[in-house]
């Protein structure tokens, strides 16, 4: 159904000790 079809994705990542996130990206309109 199209009613309230927009949804939010939530992810949790569990990193090894001492790790750090150093980049991220989202594809918007294929870019």
ModelCIF file with pLDDT and N, C-alpha, C, O atoms, coordinates in Angstrom:
data_MODEL
#
_entry.id   MODEL 
#
_entity.id                         1 
_entity.type                       polymer 
_entity.pdbx_number_of_molecules   1 
#
_entity_poly.entity_id                      1 
_entity_poly.type                           'polypeptide(L)' 
_entity_poly.nstd_linkage                   no 
_entity_poly.nstd_monomer                   no 
_entity_poly.pdbx_seq_one_letter_code       
;(UNK)(UNK)(UNK)(UNK)(UNK)(UNK)(UNK)(UNK)(UNK)(UNK)(UNK)(UNK)(UNK)(UNK)(UNK)(UNK)
(UNK)(UNK)(UNK)(UNK)(UNK)(UNK)(UNK)(UNK)(UNK)(UNK)(UNK)(UNK)(UNK)(UNK)(UNK)
;
_entity_poly.pdbx_seq_one_letter_code_can   XXXXXXXXXXXXXXXXXXXXXXXXXXXXXXX 
_entity_poly.pdbx_strand_id                 A 
#
loop_
_entity_poly_seq.entity_id 
_entity_poly_seq.num 
_entity_poly_seq.mon_id 
_entity_poly_seq.hetero 
1 1  UNK n 
1 2  UNK n 
1 3  UNK n 
1 4  UNK n 
1 5  UNK n 
1 6  UNK n 
1 7  UNK n 
1 8  UNK n 
1 9  UNK n 
1 10 UNK n 
1 11 UNK n 
1 12 UNK n 
1 13 UNK n 
1 14 UNK n 
1 15 UNK n 
1 16 UNK n 
1 17 UNK n 
1 18 UNK n 
1 19 UNK n 
1 20 UNK n 
1 21 UNK n 
1 22 UNK n 
1 23 UNK n 
1 24 UNK n 
1 25 UNK n 
1 26 UNK n 
1 27 UNK n 
1 28 UNK n 
1 29 UNK n 
1 30 UNK n 
1 31 UNK n 
#
_struct_asym.id          A 
_struct_asym.entity_id   1 
#
loop_
_ma_qa_metric.id 
_ma_qa_metric.mode 
_ma_qa_metric.name 
_ma_qa_metric.software_group_id 
_ma_qa_metric.type 
1 global pLDDT . pLDDT 
2 local  pLDDT . pLDDT 
#
_ma_qa_metric_global.metric_id      1 
_ma_qa_metric_global.metric_value   89.03 
_ma_qa_metric_global.model_id       1 
_ma_qa_metric_global.ordinal_id     1 
#
loop_
_ma_qa_metric_local.label_asym_id 
_ma_qa_metric_local.label_comp_id 
_ma_qa_metric_local.label_seq_id 
_ma_qa_metric_local.metric_id 
_ma_qa_metric_local.metric_value 
_ma_qa_metric_local.model_id 
_ma_qa_metric_local.ordinal_id 
A UNK 1  2 68.00 1 1  
A UNK 2  2 65.00 1 2  
A UNK 3  2 63.00 1 3  
A UNK 4  2 69.00 1 4  
A UNK 5  2 81.00 1 5  
A UNK 6  2 87.00 1 6  
A UNK 7  2 91.00 1 7  
A UNK 8  2 92.00 1 8  
A UNK 9  2 95.00 1 9  
A UNK 10 2 96.00 1 10 
A UNK 11 2 96.00 1 11 
A UNK 12 2 95.00 1 12 
A UNK 13 2 96.00 1 13 
A UNK 14 2 92.00 1 14 
A UNK 15 2 92.00 1 15 
A UNK 16 2 88.00 1 16 
A UNK 17 2 86.00 1 17 
A UNK 18 2 89.00 1 18 
A UNK 19 2 94.00 1 19 
A UNK 20 2 96.00 1 20 
A UNK 21 2 97.00 1 21 
A UNK 22 2 95.00 1 22 
A UNK 23 2 95.00 1 23 
A UNK 24 2 97.00 1 24 
A UNK 25 2 96.00 1 25 
A UNK 26 2 96.00 1 26 
A UNK 27 2 94.00 1 27 
A UNK 28 2 91.00 1 28 
A UNK 29 2 87.00 1 29 
A UNK 30 2 89.00 1 30 
A UNK 31 2 92.00 1 31 
#
loop_
_atom_site.group_PDB 
_atom_site.id 
_atom_site.type_symbol 
_atom_site.label_atom_id 
_atom_site.label_alt_id 
_atom_site.label_comp_id 
_atom_site.label_asym_id 
_atom_site.label_entity_id 
_atom_site.label_seq_id 
_atom_site.pdbx_PDB_ins_code 
_atom_site.Cartn_x 
_atom_site.Cartn_y 
_atom_site.Cartn_z 
_atom_site.occupancy 
_atom_site.B_iso_or_equiv 
_atom_site.pdbx_formal_charge 
_atom_site.auth_seq_id 
_atom_site.auth_comp_id 
_atom_site.auth_asym_id 
_atom_site.auth_atom_id 
_atom_site.pdbx_PDB_model_num 
ATOM 1   N N  . UNK A 1 1  ? 0.834  -1.196 0.000  1.00 68.00 ? 1  UNK A N  1 
ATOM 2   C CA . UNK A 1 1  ? 0.000  0.000  0.000  1.00 68.00 ? 1  UNK A CA 1 
ATOM 3   C C  . UNK A 1 1  ? 0.878  1.259  0.000  1.00 68.00 ? 1  UNK A C  1 
ATOM 4   O O  . UNK A 1 1  ? 1.944  1.271  0.615  1.00 68.00 ? 1  UNK A O  1 
ATOM 5   N N  . UNK A 1 2  ? 0.440  2.293  -0.674 1.00 65.00 ? 2  UNK A N  1 
ATOM 6   C CA . UNK A 1 2  ? 1.209  3.523  -0.766 1.00 65.00 ? 2  UNK A CA 1 
ATOM 7   C C  . UNK A 1 2  ? 1.061  4.382  0.485  1.00 65.00 ? 2  UNK A C  1 
ATOM 8   O O  . UNK A 1 2  ? 1.909  5.239  0.736  1.00 65.00 ? 2  UNK A O  1 
ATOM 9   N N  . UNK A 1 3  ? -0.006 4.175  1.287  1.00 63.00 ? 3  UNK A N  1 
ATOM 10  C CA . UNK A 1 3  ? -0.234 5.006  2.468  1.00 63.00 ? 3  UNK A CA 1 
ATOM 11  C C  . UNK A 1 3  ? 0.885  4.778  3.478  1.00 63.00 ? 3  UNK A C  1 
ATOM 12  O O  . UNK A 1 3  ? 1.164  3.638  3.852  1.00 63.00 ? 3  UNK A O  1 
ATOM 13  N N  . UNK A 1 4  ? 1.515  5.839  3.912  1.00 69.00 ? 4  UNK A N  1 
ATOM 14  C CA . UNK A 1 4  ? 2.647  5.800  4.838  1.00 69.00 ? 4  UNK A CA 1 
ATOM 15  C C  . UNK A 1 4  ? 3.717  4.811  4.383  1.00 69.00 ? 4  UNK A C  1 
ATOM 16  O O  . UNK A 1 4  ? 4.256  4.050  5.186  1.00 69.00 ? 4  UNK A O  1 
ATOM 17  N N  . UNK A 1 5  ? 4.016  4.831  3.090  1.00 81.00 ? 5  UNK A N  1 
ATOM 18  C CA . UNK A 1 5  ? 5.008  3.895  2.548  1.00 81.00 ? 5  UNK A CA 1 
ATOM 19  C C  . UNK A 1 5  ? 6.440  4.373  2.773  1.00 81.00 ? 5  UNK A C  1 
ATOM 20  O O  . UNK A 1 5  ? 7.376  3.585  2.637  1.00 81.00 ? 5  UNK A O  1 
ATOM 21  N N  . UNK A 1 6  ? 6.628  5.655  3.117  1.00 87.00 ? 6  UNK A N  1 
ATOM 22  C CA . UNK A 1 6  ? 7.976  6.143  3.427  1.00 87.00 ? 6  UNK A CA 1 
ATOM 23  C C  . UNK A 1 6  ? 8.408  5.579  4.776  1.00 87.00 ? 6  UNK A C  1 
ATOM 24  O O  . UNK A 1 6  ? 7.704  5.730  5.774  1.00 87.00 ? 6  UNK A O  1 
ATOM 25  N N  . UNK A 1 7  ? 9.560  4.936  4.799  1.00 91.00 ? 7  UNK A N  1 
ATOM 26  C CA . UNK A 1 7  ? 10.015 4.322  6.042  1.00 91.00 ? 7  UNK A CA 1 
ATOM 27  C C  . UNK A 1 7  ? 11.477 4.689  6.306  1.00 91.00 ? 7  UNK A C  1 
ATOM 28  O O  . UNK A 1 7  ? 12.202 5.131  5.414  1.00 91.00 ? 7  UNK A O  1 
ATOM 29  N N  . UNK A 1 8  ? 11.881 4.490  7.562  1.00 92.00 ? 8  UNK A N  1 
ATOM 30  C CA . UNK A 1 8  ? 13.218 4.866  8.026  1.00 92.00 ? 8  UNK A CA 1 
ATOM 31  C C  . UNK A 1 8  ? 14.006 3.606  8.384  1.00 92.00 ? 8  UNK A C  1 
ATOM 32  O O  . UNK A 1 8  ? 13.556 2.797  9.195  1.00 92.00 ? 8  UNK A O  1 
ATOM 33  N N  . UNK A 1 9  ? 15.175 3.447  7.778  1.00 95.00 ? 9  UNK A N  1 
ATOM 34  C CA . UNK A 1 9  ? 16.036 2.297  8.073  1.00 95.00 ? 9  UNK A CA 1 
ATOM 35  C C  . UNK A 1 9  ? 16.997 2.655  9.198  1.00 95.00 ? 9  UNK A C  1 
ATOM 36  O O  . UNK A 1 9  ? 17.615 3.720  9.184  1.00 95.00 ? 9  UNK A O  1 
ATOM 37  N N  . UNK A 1 10 ? 17.118 1.767  10.164 1.00 96.00 ? 10 UNK A N  1 
ATOM 38  C CA . UNK A 1 10 ? 18.036 1.950  11.286 1.00 96.00 ? 10 UNK A CA 1 
ATOM 39  C C  . UNK A 1 10 ? 18.973 0.755  11.358 1.00 96.00 ? 10 UNK A C  1 
ATOM 40  O O  . UNK A 1 10 ? 18.532 -0.394 11.391 1.00 96.00 ? 10 UNK A O  1 
ATOM 41  N N  . UNK A 1 11 ? 20.281 1.039  11.383 1.00 96.00 ? 11 UNK A N  1 
ATOM 42  C CA . UNK A 1 11 ? 21.306 0.001  11.516 1.00 96.00 ? 11 UNK A CA 1 
ATOM 43  C C  . UNK A 1 11 ? 22.167 0.302  12.741 1.00 96.00 ? 11 UNK A C  1 
ATOM 44  O O  . UNK A 1 11 ? 22.452 1.461  13.044 1.00 96.00 ? 11 UNK A O  1 
ATOM 45  N N  . UNK A 1 12 ? 22.577 -0.754 13.440 1.00 95.00 ? 12 UNK A N  1 
ATOM 46  C CA . UNK A 1 12 ? 23.575 -0.645 14.498 1.00 95.00 ? 12 UNK A CA 1 
ATOM 47  C C  . UNK A 1 12 ? 24.764 -1.518 14.117 1.00 95.00 ? 12 UNK A C  1 
ATOM 48  O O  . UNK A 1 12 ? 24.601 -2.701 13.819 1.00 95.00 ? 12 UNK A O  1 
ATOM 49  N N  . UNK A 1 13 ? 25.969 -0.930 14.126 1.00 96.00 ? 13 UNK A N  1 
ATOM 50  C CA . UNK A 1 13 ? 27.191 -1.660 13.801 1.00 96.00 ? 13 UNK A CA 1 
ATOM 51  C C  . UNK A 1 13 ? 27.999 -1.855 15.075 1.00 96.00 ? 13 UNK A C  1 
ATOM 52  O O  . UNK A 1 13 ? 28.141 -0.933 15.879 1.00 96.00 ? 13 UNK A O  1 
ATOM 53  N N  . UNK A 1 14 ? 28.529 -3.061 15.253 1.00 92.00 ? 14 UNK A N  1 
ATOM 54  C CA . UNK A 1 14 ? 29.293 -3.416 16.445 1.00 92.00 ? 14 UNK A CA 1 
ATOM 55  C C  . UNK A 1 14 ? 30.759 -3.573 16.028 1.00 92.00 ? 14 UNK A C  1 
ATOM 56  O O  . UNK A 1 14 ? 31.127 -4.528 15.344 1.00 92.00 ? 14 UNK A O  1 
ATOM 57  N N  . UNK A 1 15 ? 31.581 -2.617 16.455 1.00 92.00 ? 15 UNK A N  1 
ATOM 58  C CA . UNK A 1 15 ? 32.943 -2.521 15.961 1.00 92.00 ? 15 UNK A CA 1 
ATOM 59  C C  . UNK A 1 15 ? 33.928 -3.240 16.873 1.00 92.00 ? 15 UNK A C  1 
ATOM 60  O O  . UNK A 1 15 ? 33.756 -3.236 18.091 1.00 92.00 ? 15 UNK A O  1 
ATOM 61  N N  . UNK A 1 16 ? 34.965 -3.860 16.297 1.00 88.00 ? 16 UNK A N  1 
ATOM 62  C CA . UNK A 1 16 ? 36.047 -4.406 17.126 1.00 88.00 ? 16 UNK A CA 1 
ATOM 63  C C  . UNK A 1 16 ? 36.707 -3.304 17.941 1.00 88.00 ? 16 UNK A C  1 
ATOM 64  O O  . UNK A 1 16 ? 36.625 -2.127 17.588 1.00 88.00 ? 16 UNK A O  1 
ATOM 65  N N  . UNK A 1 17 ? 37.358 -3.687 19.026 1.00 86.00 ? 17 UNK A N  1 
ATOM 66  C CA . UNK A 1 17 ? 37.945 -2.723 19.956 1.00 86.00 ? 17 UNK A CA 1 
ATOM 67  C C  . UNK A 1 17 ? 38.911 -1.768 19.246 1.00 86.00 ? 17 UNK A C  1 
ATOM 68  O O  . UNK A 1 17 ? 39.754 -2.194 18.457 1.00 86.00 ? 17 UNK A O  1 
ATOM 69  N N  . UNK A 1 18 ? 38.774 -0.486 19.536 1.00 89.00 ? 18 UNK A N  1 
ATOM 70  C CA . UNK A 1 18 ? 39.684 0.509  18.990 1.00 89.00 ? 18 UNK A CA 1 
ATOM 71  C C  . UNK A 1 18 ? 39.354 0.981  17.595 1.00 89.00 ? 18 UNK A C  1 
ATOM 72  O O  . UNK A 1 18 ? 40.095 1.791  17.039 1.00 89.00 ? 18 UNK A O  1 
ATOM 73  N N  . UNK A 1 19 ? 38.251 0.500  16.997 1.00 94.00 ? 19 UNK A N  1 
ATOM 74  C CA . UNK A 1 19 ? 37.896 0.862  15.630 1.00 94.00 ? 19 UNK A CA 1 
ATOM 75  C C  . UNK A 1 19 ? 37.211 2.218  15.580 1.00 94.00 ? 19 UNK A C  1 
ATOM 76  O O  . UNK A 1 19 ? 36.647 2.677  16.573 1.00 94.00 ? 19 UNK A O  1 
ATOM 77  N N  . UNK A 1 20 ? 37.266 2.866  14.399 1.00 96.00 ? 20 UNK A N  1 
ATOM 78  C CA . UNK A 1 20 ? 36.654 4.181  14.230 1.00 96.00 ? 20 UNK A CA 1 
ATOM 79  C C  . UNK A 1 20 ? 36.083 4.299  12.827 1.00 96.00 ? 20 UNK A C  1 
ATOM 80  O O  . UNK A 1 20 ? 36.691 3.836  11.861 1.00 96.00 ? 20 UNK A O  1 
ATOM 81  N N  . UNK A 1 21 ? 34.912 4.921  12.716 1.00 97.00 ? 21 UNK A N  1 
ATOM 82  C CA . UNK A 1 21 ? 34.304 5.175  11.409 1.00 97.00 ? 21 UNK A CA 1 
ATOM 83  C C  . UNK A 1 21 ? 34.959 6.401  10.785 1.00 97.00 ? 21 UNK A C  1 
ATOM 84  O O  . UNK A 1 21 ? 35.060 7.455  11.412 1.00 97.00 ? 21 UNK A O  1 
ATOM 85  N N  . UNK A 1 22 ? 35.403 6.246  9.533  1.00 95.00 ? 22 UNK A N  1 
ATOM 86  C CA . UNK A 1 22 ? 36.131 7.321  8.863  1.00 95.00 ? 22 UNK A CA 1 
ATOM 87  C C  . UNK A 1 22 ? 35.509 7.730  7.525  1.00 95.00 ? 22 UNK A C  1 
ATOM 88  O O  . UNK A 1 22 ? 36.069 8.575  6.826  1.00 95.00 ? 22 UNK A O  1 
ATOM 89  N N  . UNK A 1 23 ? 34.364 7.147  7.155  1.00 95.00 ? 23 UNK A N  1 
ATOM 90  C CA . UNK A 1 23 ? 33.675 7.607  5.939  1.00 95.00 ? 23 UNK A CA 1 
ATOM 91  C C  . UNK A 1 23 ? 32.259 7.045  5.910  1.00 95.00 ? 23 UNK A C  1 
ATOM 92  O O  . UNK A 1 23 ? 31.951 6.047  6.562  1.00 95.00 ? 23 UNK A O  1 
ATOM 93  N N  . UNK A 1 24 ? 31.409 7.712  5.139  1.00 97.00 ? 24 UNK A N  1 
ATOM 94  C CA . UNK A 1 24 ? 30.047 7.236  4.888  1.00 97.00 ? 24 UNK A CA 1 
ATOM 95  C C  . UNK A 1 24 ? 29.533 7.930  3.635  1.00 97.00 ? 24 UNK A C  1 
ATOM 96  O O  . UNK A 1 24 ? 30.028 8.989  3.249  1.00 97.00 ? 24 UNK A O  1 
ATOM 97  N N  . UNK A 1 25 ? 28.542 7.323  3.010  1.00 96.00 ? 25 UNK A N  1 
ATOM 98  C CA . UNK A 1 25 ? 27.953 7.924  1.804  1.00 96.00 ? 25 UNK A CA 1 
ATOM 99  C C  . UNK A 1 25 ? 26.538 7.402  1.630  1.00 96.00 ? 25 UNK A C  1 
ATOM 100 O O  . UNK A 1 25 ? 26.200 6.325  2.120  1.00 96.00 ? 25 UNK A O  1 
ATOM 101 N N  . UNK A 1 26 ? 25.710 8.172  0.927  1.00 96.00 ? 26 UNK A N  1 
ATOM 102 C CA . UNK A 1 26 ? 24.335 7.802  0.587  1.00 96.00 ? 26 UNK A CA 1 
ATOM 103 C C  . UNK A 1 26 ? 24.137 8.039  -0.896 1.00 96.00 ? 26 UNK A C  1 
ATOM 104 O O  . UNK A 1 26 ? 24.567 9.063  -1.426 1.00 96.00 ? 26 UNK A O  1 
ATOM 105 N N  . UNK A 1 27 ? 23.492 7.107  -1.566 1.00 94.00 ? 27 UNK A N  1 
ATOM 106 C CA . UNK A 1 27 ? 23.177 7.294  -2.974 1.00 94.00 ? 27 UNK A CA 1 
ATOM 107 C C  . UNK A 1 27 ? 21.865 8.069  -3.095 1.00 94.00 ? 27 UNK A C  1 
ATOM 108 O O  . UNK A 1 27 ? 20.837 7.643  -2.571 1.00 94.00 ? 27 UNK A O  1 
ATOM 109 N N  . UNK A 1 28 ? 21.906 9.204  -3.785 1.00 91.00 ? 28 UNK A N  1 
ATOM 110 C CA . UNK A 1 28 ? 20.730 10.051 -4.015 1.00 91.00 ? 28 UNK A CA 1 
ATOM 111 C C  . UNK A 1 28 ? 20.551 10.198 -5.519 1.00 91.00 ? 28 UNK A C  1 
ATOM 112 O O  . UNK A 1 28 ? 21.435 10.696 -6.216 1.00 91.00 ? 28 UNK A O  1 
ATOM 113 N N  . UNK A 1 29 ? 19.397 9.759  -6.008 1.00 87.00 ? 29 UNK A N  1 
ATOM 114 C CA . UNK A 1 29 ? 19.113 9.784  -7.459 1.00 87.00 ? 29 UNK A CA 1 
ATOM 115 C C  . UNK A 1 29 ? 20.229 9.097  -8.250 1.00 87.00 ? 29 UNK A C  1 
ATOM 116 O O  . UNK A 1 29 ? 20.655 9.582  -9.298 1.00 87.00 ? 29 UNK A O  1 
ATOM 117 N N  . UNK A 1 30 ? 20.695 7.950  -7.723 1.00 89.00 ? 30 UNK A N  1 
ATOM 118 C CA . UNK A 1 30 ? 21.702 7.171  -8.421 1.00 89.00 ? 30 UNK A CA 1 
ATOM 119 C C  . UNK A 1 30 ? 23.124 7.678  -8.281 1.00 89.00 ? 30 UNK A C  1 
ATOM 120 O O  . UNK A 1 30 ? 24.045 7.083  -8.841 1.00 89.00 ? 30 UNK A O  1 
ATOM 121 N N  . UNK A 1 31 ? 23.326 8.782  -7.534 1.00 92.00 ? 31 UNK A N  1 
ATOM 122 C CA . UNK A 1 31 ? 24.655 9.365  -7.393 1.00 92.00 ? 31 UNK A CA 1 
ATOM 123 C C  . UNK A 1 31 ? 25.147 9.203  -5.956 1.00 92.00 ? 31 UNK A C  1 
ATOM 124 O O  . UNK A 1 31 ? 26.255 9.632  -5.631 1.00 92.00 ? 31 UNK A O  1 
#
